[in-house]
Amino acid sequence: MGKFAAMSYETVNERFHRDGFTVLENFMLESELLAVEAELSTLTTRYRDRIDPEDLFYEDDGKTIRQIEWLNKCGEFFARLSQHRRFSDLIEVIFGEPSEHDNLSYMAKPARGGAAAPSHQDNAYLSPGSCSCLDILDRP
């Protein structure tokens, strides 16, 4: 039986189906998180022209980036990250079938701050048979 960090596949599946979500601590290494942060910084400061303006969303100040859609189309690093086996393994463990990934998004919602988002469902934006997964990459 496989594992994600310190949690077995069986436990991941059980917790997801019981609670509707699963918290996986240390899903990515610190070095991987640092690489994601560095690539995001480079993309948003030096190569912002690679981001389609329709995929770029700002906070109310008009300067602070709140969200970027389709990061996987903004360079090789994010294209590789979006196809990393660890993500498809997780989906397969939870839903019992292989998955395909098409949109890697970035959301920068600071705790207790940022633009308000009313309660909503994203299902209307998804095609039949698809799902949306939110991987929160955060530090304590």
N, C-alpha and C. Protein backbone atom coordinates (compact mmCIF):
# COMPACT_ATOMS: atom_id res chain seq x y z
N MET A 1 0.84 -1.19 0.00
CA MET A 1 0.00 0.00 0.00
C MET A 1 0.88 1.24 0.00
N GLY A 2 0.53 2.23 -0.81
CA GLY A 2 1.32 3.45 -0.91
C GLY A 2 1.00 4.45 0.18
N LYS A 3 1.78 5.55 0.17
CA LYS A 3 1.61 6.59 1.18
C LYS A 3 1.81 7.97 0.57
N PHE A 4 1.14 8.95 1.13
CA PHE A 4 1.41 10.36 0.87
C PHE A 4 2.00 10.89 2.16
N ALA A 5 3.26 11.25 2.12
CA ALA A 5 3.97 11.67 3.33
C ALA A 5 3.76 10.61 4.40
N ALA A 6 3.12 10.96 5.53
CA ALA A 6 2.96 10.01 6.62
C ALA A 6 1.58 9.34 6.63
N MET A 7 0.76 9.55 5.60
CA MET A 7 -0.59 9.01 5.59
C MET A 7 -0.76 7.96 4.50
N SER A 8 -1.31 6.82 4.84
CA SER A 8 -1.51 5.75 3.86
C SER A 8 -2.61 6.14 2.86
N TYR A 9 -2.56 5.53 1.68
CA TYR A 9 -3.62 5.76 0.68
C TYR A 9 -4.99 5.45 1.28
N GLU A 10 -5.07 4.38 2.03
CA GLU A 10 -6.35 3.97 2.63
C GLU A 10 -6.89 5.06 3.56
N THR A 11 -6.02 5.65 4.37
CA THR A 11 -6.44 6.71 5.30
C THR A 11 -6.86 7.96 4.53
N VAL A 12 -6.13 8.31 3.48
CA VAL A 12 -6.50 9.47 2.66
C VAL A 12 -7.90 9.28 2.10
N ASN A 13 -8.16 8.12 1.52
CA ASN A 13 -9.46 7.82 0.94
C ASN A 13 -10.55 7.87 2.01
N GLU A 14 -10.32 7.23 3.13
CA GLU A 14 -11.30 7.17 4.21
C GLU A 14 -11.64 8.57 4.73
N ARG A 15 -10.64 9.39 4.99
CA ARG A 15 -10.88 10.74 5.51
C ARG A 15 -11.61 11.62 4.50
N PHE A 16 -11.24 11.49 3.22
CA PHE A 16 -11.91 12.30 2.21
C PHE A 16 -13.39 11.94 2.15
N HIS A 17 -13.70 10.67 2.10
CA HIS A 17 -15.10 10.25 1.97
C HIS A 17 -15.89 10.46 3.26
N ARG A 18 -15.22 10.53 4.38
CA ARG A 18 -15.90 10.83 5.64
C ARG A 18 -16.13 12.33 5.83
N ASP A 19 -15.08 13.13 5.53
CA ASP A 19 -15.11 14.56 5.86
C ASP A 19 -15.34 15.47 4.66
N GLY A 20 -15.14 14.96 3.44
CA GLY A 20 -15.27 15.79 2.25
C GLY A 20 -13.98 16.51 1.88
N PHE A 21 -12.93 16.30 2.64
CA PHE A 21 -11.61 16.87 2.37
C PHE A 21 -10.57 16.05 3.10
N THR A 22 -9.32 16.24 2.74
CA THR A 22 -8.22 15.58 3.42
C THR A 22 -7.07 16.58 3.57
N VAL A 23 -6.50 16.64 4.73
CA VAL A 23 -5.32 17.46 4.97
C VAL A 23 -4.10 16.56 4.89
N LEU A 24 -3.20 16.88 3.95
CA LEU A 24 -1.97 16.11 3.79
C LEU A 24 -0.80 17.03 4.13
N GLU A 25 -0.27 16.89 5.30
CA GLU A 25 0.88 17.70 5.67
C GLU A 25 2.11 17.16 4.97
N ASN A 26 2.99 18.05 4.59
CA ASN A 26 4.25 17.70 3.91
C ASN A 26 4.01 16.99 2.57
N PHE A 27 2.94 17.35 1.89
CA PHE A 27 2.64 16.78 0.57
C PHE A 27 3.73 17.16 -0.42
N MET A 28 4.30 18.35 -0.24
CA MET A 28 5.43 18.80 -1.04
C MET A 28 6.58 19.13 -0.09
N LEU A 29 7.78 18.93 -0.58
CA LEU A 29 8.97 19.26 0.21
C LEU A 29 9.13 20.78 0.29
N GLU A 30 9.80 21.22 1.32
CA GLU A 30 10.08 22.66 1.48
C GLU A 30 10.81 23.21 0.26
N SER A 31 11.75 22.44 -0.28
CA SER A 31 12.50 22.88 -1.46
C SER A 31 11.56 23.05 -2.68
N GLU A 32 10.56 22.19 -2.77
CA GLU A 32 9.59 22.31 -3.88
C GLU A 32 8.72 23.55 -3.71
N LEU A 33 8.30 23.83 -2.48
CA LEU A 33 7.52 25.04 -2.22
C LEU A 33 8.33 26.30 -2.53
N LEU A 34 9.60 26.28 -2.16
CA LEU A 34 10.47 27.43 -2.45
C LEU A 34 10.62 27.62 -3.96
N ALA A 35 10.72 26.52 -4.70
CA ALA A 35 10.83 26.61 -6.17
C ALA A 35 9.55 27.18 -6.77
N VAL A 36 8.38 26.76 -6.27
CA VAL A 36 7.10 27.31 -6.75
C VAL A 36 7.06 28.82 -6.48
N GLU A 37 7.42 29.22 -5.27
CA GLU A 37 7.42 30.65 -4.92
C GLU A 37 8.36 31.44 -5.82
N ALA A 38 9.56 30.90 -6.06
CA ALA A 38 10.54 31.59 -6.90
C ALA A 38 10.03 31.72 -8.34
N GLU A 39 9.45 30.66 -8.87
CA GLU A 39 8.91 30.70 -10.24
C GLU A 39 7.74 31.66 -10.35
N LEU A 40 6.88 31.69 -9.34
CA LEU A 40 5.76 32.64 -9.35
C LEU A 40 6.27 34.07 -9.32
N SER A 41 7.27 34.32 -8.50
CA SER A 41 7.85 35.65 -8.41
C SER A 41 8.46 36.07 -9.75
N THR A 42 9.20 35.17 -10.37
CA THR A 42 9.81 35.47 -11.67
C THR A 42 8.75 35.71 -12.72
N LEU A 43 7.74 34.86 -12.74
CA LEU A 43 6.67 35.01 -13.72
C LEU A 43 5.94 36.34 -13.57
N THR A 44 5.60 36.69 -12.35
CA THR A 44 4.79 37.90 -12.13
C THR A 44 5.59 39.19 -12.18
N THR A 45 6.91 39.13 -12.03
CA THR A 45 7.70 40.35 -12.08
C THR A 45 8.44 40.54 -13.41
N ARG A 46 8.94 39.45 -13.99
CA ARG A 46 9.75 39.57 -15.21
C ARG A 46 9.04 39.11 -16.48
N TYR A 47 8.10 38.18 -16.34
CA TYR A 47 7.48 37.59 -17.53
C TYR A 47 5.96 37.66 -17.49
N ARG A 48 5.42 38.73 -16.95
CA ARG A 48 3.96 38.86 -16.84
C ARG A 48 3.28 38.81 -18.20
N ASP A 49 4.00 39.14 -19.25
CA ASP A 49 3.42 39.11 -20.59
C ASP A 49 3.08 37.68 -21.04
N ARG A 50 3.59 36.66 -20.33
CA ARG A 50 3.24 35.27 -20.64
C ARG A 50 1.84 34.90 -20.14
N ILE A 51 1.30 35.74 -19.26
CA ILE A 51 -0.02 35.47 -18.67
C ILE A 51 -1.08 36.19 -19.50
N ASP A 52 -2.07 35.45 -19.97
CA ASP A 52 -3.19 36.04 -20.69
C ASP A 52 -3.90 37.00 -19.73
N PRO A 53 -4.12 38.26 -20.12
CA PRO A 53 -4.77 39.23 -19.23
C PRO A 53 -6.13 38.75 -18.71
N GLU A 54 -6.82 37.90 -19.46
CA GLU A 54 -8.11 37.38 -19.00
C GLU A 54 -7.95 36.34 -17.89
N ASP A 55 -6.73 35.84 -17.69
CA ASP A 55 -6.46 34.84 -16.67
C ASP A 55 -5.81 35.43 -15.42
N LEU A 56 -5.71 36.74 -15.37
CA LEU A 56 -5.03 37.44 -14.29
C LEU A 56 -6.04 38.31 -13.53
N PHE A 57 -6.13 38.09 -12.21
CA PHE A 57 -7.11 38.80 -11.39
C PHE A 57 -6.39 39.50 -10.25
N TYR A 58 -6.85 40.72 -9.94
CA TYR A 58 -6.20 41.55 -8.94
C TYR A 58 -7.12 41.80 -7.74
N GLU A 59 -6.48 42.14 -6.61
CA GLU A 59 -7.22 42.62 -5.45
C GLU A 59 -7.82 43.98 -5.79
N ASP A 60 -8.60 44.52 -4.88
CA ASP A 60 -9.27 45.79 -5.12
C ASP A 60 -8.31 46.95 -5.37
N ASP A 61 -7.05 46.81 -4.92
CA ASP A 61 -6.08 47.88 -5.14
C ASP A 61 -5.60 47.94 -6.59
N GLY A 62 -5.94 46.93 -7.41
CA GLY A 62 -5.57 46.91 -8.81
C GLY A 62 -4.11 46.55 -9.06
N LYS A 63 -3.34 46.26 -8.02
CA LYS A 63 -1.92 45.95 -8.17
C LYS A 63 -1.57 44.56 -7.66
N THR A 64 -2.16 44.16 -6.56
CA THR A 64 -1.83 42.89 -5.93
C THR A 64 -2.55 41.75 -6.64
N ILE A 65 -1.78 40.78 -7.10
CA ILE A 65 -2.36 39.64 -7.81
C ILE A 65 -3.11 38.76 -6.82
N ARG A 66 -4.35 38.44 -7.16
CA ARG A 66 -5.20 37.58 -6.34
C ARG A 66 -5.28 36.17 -6.92
N GLN A 67 -5.26 36.08 -8.27
CA GLN A 67 -5.45 34.77 -8.91
C GLN A 67 -4.85 34.78 -10.31
N ILE A 68 -4.29 33.63 -10.69
CA ILE A 68 -3.81 33.41 -12.06
C ILE A 68 -4.37 32.06 -12.50
N GLU A 69 -5.08 32.04 -13.61
CA GLU A 69 -5.57 30.80 -14.18
C GLU A 69 -4.60 30.34 -15.26
N TRP A 70 -4.61 29.05 -15.54
CA TRP A 70 -3.82 28.44 -16.62
C TRP A 70 -2.32 28.68 -16.48
N LEU A 71 -1.81 28.57 -15.26
CA LEU A 71 -0.36 28.70 -15.04
C LEU A 71 0.42 27.71 -15.89
N ASN A 72 -0.15 26.54 -16.12
CA ASN A 72 0.54 25.52 -16.90
C ASN A 72 0.80 25.96 -18.34
N LYS A 73 0.19 27.04 -18.79
CA LYS A 73 0.45 27.58 -20.13
C LYS A 73 1.45 28.73 -20.10
N CYS A 74 1.99 29.01 -18.90
CA CYS A 74 2.88 30.16 -18.73
C CYS A 74 4.36 29.79 -18.66
N GLY A 75 4.68 28.56 -18.93
CA GLY A 75 6.09 28.17 -18.89
C GLY A 75 6.25 26.71 -18.54
N GLU A 76 7.43 26.20 -18.81
CA GLU A 76 7.74 24.78 -18.64
C GLU A 76 7.65 24.33 -17.18
N PHE A 77 8.08 25.16 -16.25
CA PHE A 77 8.05 24.77 -14.84
C PHE A 77 6.63 24.41 -14.40
N PHE A 78 5.68 25.30 -14.69
CA PHE A 78 4.30 25.07 -14.26
C PHE A 78 3.62 23.98 -15.09
N ALA A 79 4.01 23.82 -16.34
CA ALA A 79 3.49 22.72 -17.16
C ALA A 79 3.89 21.39 -16.53
N ARG A 80 5.16 21.27 -16.13
CA ARG A 80 5.63 20.03 -15.48
C ARG A 80 4.95 19.81 -14.13
N LEU A 81 4.83 20.88 -13.35
CA LEU A 81 4.20 20.78 -12.04
C LEU A 81 2.76 20.29 -12.16
N SER A 82 2.03 20.80 -13.14
CA SER A 82 0.62 20.42 -13.29
C SER A 82 0.45 18.95 -13.64
N GLN A 83 1.48 18.33 -14.19
CA GLN A 83 1.40 16.93 -14.59
C GLN A 83 2.13 15.99 -13.63
N HIS A 84 2.55 16.52 -12.48
CA HIS A 84 3.31 15.70 -11.53
C HIS A 84 2.47 14.52 -11.06
N ARG A 85 3.07 13.38 -11.03
CA ARG A 85 2.40 12.12 -10.70
C ARG A 85 1.75 12.16 -9.31
N ARG A 86 2.32 12.91 -8.41
CA ARG A 86 1.78 12.97 -7.04
C ARG A 86 0.33 13.46 -7.04
N PHE A 87 -0.02 14.41 -7.92
CA PHE A 87 -1.38 14.92 -7.97
C PHE A 87 -2.34 13.89 -8.57
N SER A 88 -1.92 13.26 -9.67
CA SER A 88 -2.80 12.25 -10.28
C SER A 88 -2.95 11.03 -9.37
N ASP A 89 -1.90 10.67 -8.63
CA ASP A 89 -2.01 9.57 -7.67
C ASP A 89 -3.06 9.90 -6.61
N LEU A 90 -3.05 11.12 -6.12
CA LEU A 90 -4.01 11.53 -5.09
C LEU A 90 -5.45 11.41 -5.61
N ILE A 91 -5.70 11.90 -6.81
CA ILE A 91 -7.05 11.83 -7.37
C ILE A 91 -7.47 10.37 -7.57
N GLU A 92 -6.54 9.57 -8.05
CA GLU A 92 -6.87 8.16 -8.28
C GLU A 92 -7.16 7.43 -6.97
N VAL A 93 -6.43 7.76 -5.90
CA VAL A 93 -6.68 7.14 -4.60
C VAL A 93 -8.07 7.52 -4.09
N ILE A 94 -8.47 8.77 -4.28
CA ILE A 94 -9.75 9.23 -3.75
C ILE A 94 -10.93 8.74 -4.60
N PHE A 95 -10.80 8.83 -5.92
CA PHE A 95 -11.95 8.53 -6.79
C PHE A 95 -11.87 7.18 -7.49
N GLY A 96 -10.72 6.51 -7.39
CA GLY A 96 -10.62 5.17 -7.92
C GLY A 96 -10.47 5.07 -9.42
N GLU A 97 -10.11 6.17 -10.07
CA GLU A 97 -9.88 6.12 -11.51
C GLU A 97 -8.85 7.17 -11.91
N PRO A 98 -8.18 6.96 -13.04
CA PRO A 98 -7.15 7.91 -13.48
C PRO A 98 -7.74 9.29 -13.76
N SER A 99 -6.88 10.28 -13.73
CA SER A 99 -7.32 11.66 -13.98
C SER A 99 -6.44 12.34 -15.01
N GLU A 100 -6.96 13.41 -15.57
CA GLU A 100 -6.21 14.28 -16.47
C GLU A 100 -6.27 15.68 -15.88
N HIS A 101 -5.18 16.39 -16.00
CA HIS A 101 -5.13 17.75 -15.45
C HIS A 101 -5.06 18.75 -16.59
N ASP A 102 -5.86 19.81 -16.47
CA ASP A 102 -5.80 20.79 -17.55
C ASP A 102 -5.54 22.21 -17.08
N ASN A 103 -5.91 22.59 -15.88
CA ASN A 103 -5.75 23.99 -15.46
C ASN A 103 -5.08 24.04 -14.10
N LEU A 104 -3.89 24.61 -14.05
CA LEU A 104 -3.20 24.86 -12.80
C LEU A 104 -3.43 26.32 -12.45
N SER A 105 -4.09 26.57 -11.34
CA SER A 105 -4.42 27.93 -10.92
C SER A 105 -3.60 28.33 -9.70
N TYR A 106 -3.44 29.62 -9.55
CA TYR A 106 -2.78 30.19 -8.37
C TYR A 106 -3.78 31.13 -7.72
N MET A 107 -3.99 30.96 -6.42
CA MET A 107 -4.87 31.85 -5.67
C MET A 107 -4.10 32.34 -4.46
N ALA A 108 -4.06 33.64 -4.29
CA ALA A 108 -3.29 34.25 -3.21
C ALA A 108 -4.23 34.98 -2.26
N LYS A 109 -4.95 34.22 -1.49
CA LYS A 109 -5.91 34.80 -0.55
C LYS A 109 -5.25 34.84 0.83
N PRO A 110 -4.85 36.03 1.27
CA PRO A 110 -4.22 36.11 2.59
C PRO A 110 -5.25 35.85 3.69
N ALA A 111 -4.78 35.24 4.78
CA ALA A 111 -5.66 34.98 5.92
C ALA A 111 -6.23 36.29 6.45
N ARG A 112 -7.52 36.28 6.71
CA ARG A 112 -8.22 37.43 7.29
C ARG A 112 -8.03 38.71 6.48
N GLY A 113 -7.86 38.59 5.17
CA GLY A 113 -7.68 39.78 4.35
C GLY A 113 -7.99 39.49 2.90
N GLY A 114 -7.74 40.46 2.05
CA GLY A 114 -7.98 40.27 0.62
C GLY A 114 -9.44 40.51 0.27
N ALA A 115 -9.74 40.37 -1.00
CA ALA A 115 -11.09 40.60 -1.50
C ALA A 115 -12.04 39.54 -0.94
N ALA A 116 -13.22 39.98 -0.57
CA ALA A 116 -14.23 39.06 -0.06
C ALA A 116 -14.77 38.21 -1.21
N ALA A 117 -15.03 36.95 -0.91
CA ALA A 117 -15.63 36.05 -1.90
C ALA A 117 -16.87 35.44 -1.27
N PRO A 118 -18.02 35.70 -1.87
CA PRO A 118 -19.25 35.13 -1.30
C PRO A 118 -19.23 33.60 -1.43
N SER A 119 -19.96 32.93 -0.58
CA SER A 119 -20.07 31.49 -0.65
C SER A 119 -20.61 31.12 -2.03
N HIS A 120 -20.00 30.11 -2.66
CA HIS A 120 -20.42 29.75 -4.02
C HIS A 120 -20.02 28.32 -4.34
N GLN A 121 -20.56 27.81 -5.43
CA GLN A 121 -20.22 26.49 -5.95
C GLN A 121 -19.58 26.68 -7.32
N ASP A 122 -18.49 25.99 -7.57
CA ASP A 122 -17.82 26.07 -8.87
C ASP A 122 -18.33 25.04 -9.86
N ASN A 123 -19.24 24.17 -9.42
CA ASN A 123 -19.70 23.08 -10.28
C ASN A 123 -20.23 23.56 -11.63
N ALA A 124 -20.83 24.73 -11.68
CA ALA A 124 -21.40 25.23 -12.93
C ALA A 124 -20.32 25.46 -13.99
N TYR A 125 -19.07 25.60 -13.57
CA TYR A 125 -17.98 25.86 -14.51
C TYR A 125 -17.30 24.58 -14.99
N LEU A 126 -17.68 23.46 -14.43
CA LEU A 126 -17.01 22.19 -14.73
C LEU A 126 -17.82 21.38 -15.74
N SER A 127 -17.12 20.64 -16.57
CA SER A 127 -17.80 19.75 -17.51
C SER A 127 -18.16 18.45 -16.79
N PRO A 128 -19.17 17.73 -17.29
CA PRO A 128 -19.57 16.47 -16.64
C PRO A 128 -18.38 15.52 -16.50
N GLY A 129 -18.30 14.87 -15.35
CA GLY A 129 -17.23 13.91 -15.10
C GLY A 129 -15.93 14.54 -14.63
N SER A 130 -15.91 15.85 -14.45
CA SER A 130 -14.68 16.50 -14.01
C SER A 130 -14.81 16.94 -12.55
N CYS A 131 -13.70 17.27 -11.96
CA CYS A 131 -13.71 17.78 -10.59
C CYS A 131 -12.66 18.86 -10.46
N SER A 132 -12.81 19.64 -9.45
CA SER A 132 -11.86 20.70 -9.14
C SER A 132 -11.19 20.35 -7.81
N CYS A 133 -9.87 20.40 -7.79
CA CYS A 133 -9.13 20.08 -6.58
C CYS A 133 -8.35 21.31 -6.13
N LEU A 134 -8.42 21.59 -4.87
CA LEU A 134 -7.70 22.73 -4.31
C LEU A 134 -6.58 22.19 -3.45
N ASP A 135 -5.36 22.44 -3.86
CA ASP A 135 -4.19 22.07 -3.09
C ASP A 135 -3.66 23.35 -2.46
N ILE A 136 -3.80 23.47 -1.16
CA ILE A 136 -3.37 24.68 -0.46
C ILE A 136 -1.92 24.46 -0.03
N LEU A 137 -1.06 25.27 -0.57
CA LEU A 137 0.36 25.19 -0.23
C LEU A 137 0.63 26.31 0.75
N ASP A 138 0.77 25.95 1.99
CA ASP A 138 0.86 26.93 3.05
C ASP A 138 1.85 26.49 4.10
N ARG A 139 2.31 27.45 4.85
CA ARG A 139 3.19 27.17 5.98
C ARG A 139 2.54 27.71 7.25
N PRO A 140 2.83 27.06 8.39
CA PRO A 140 2.26 27.56 9.67
C PRO A 140 2.83 28.91 10.01
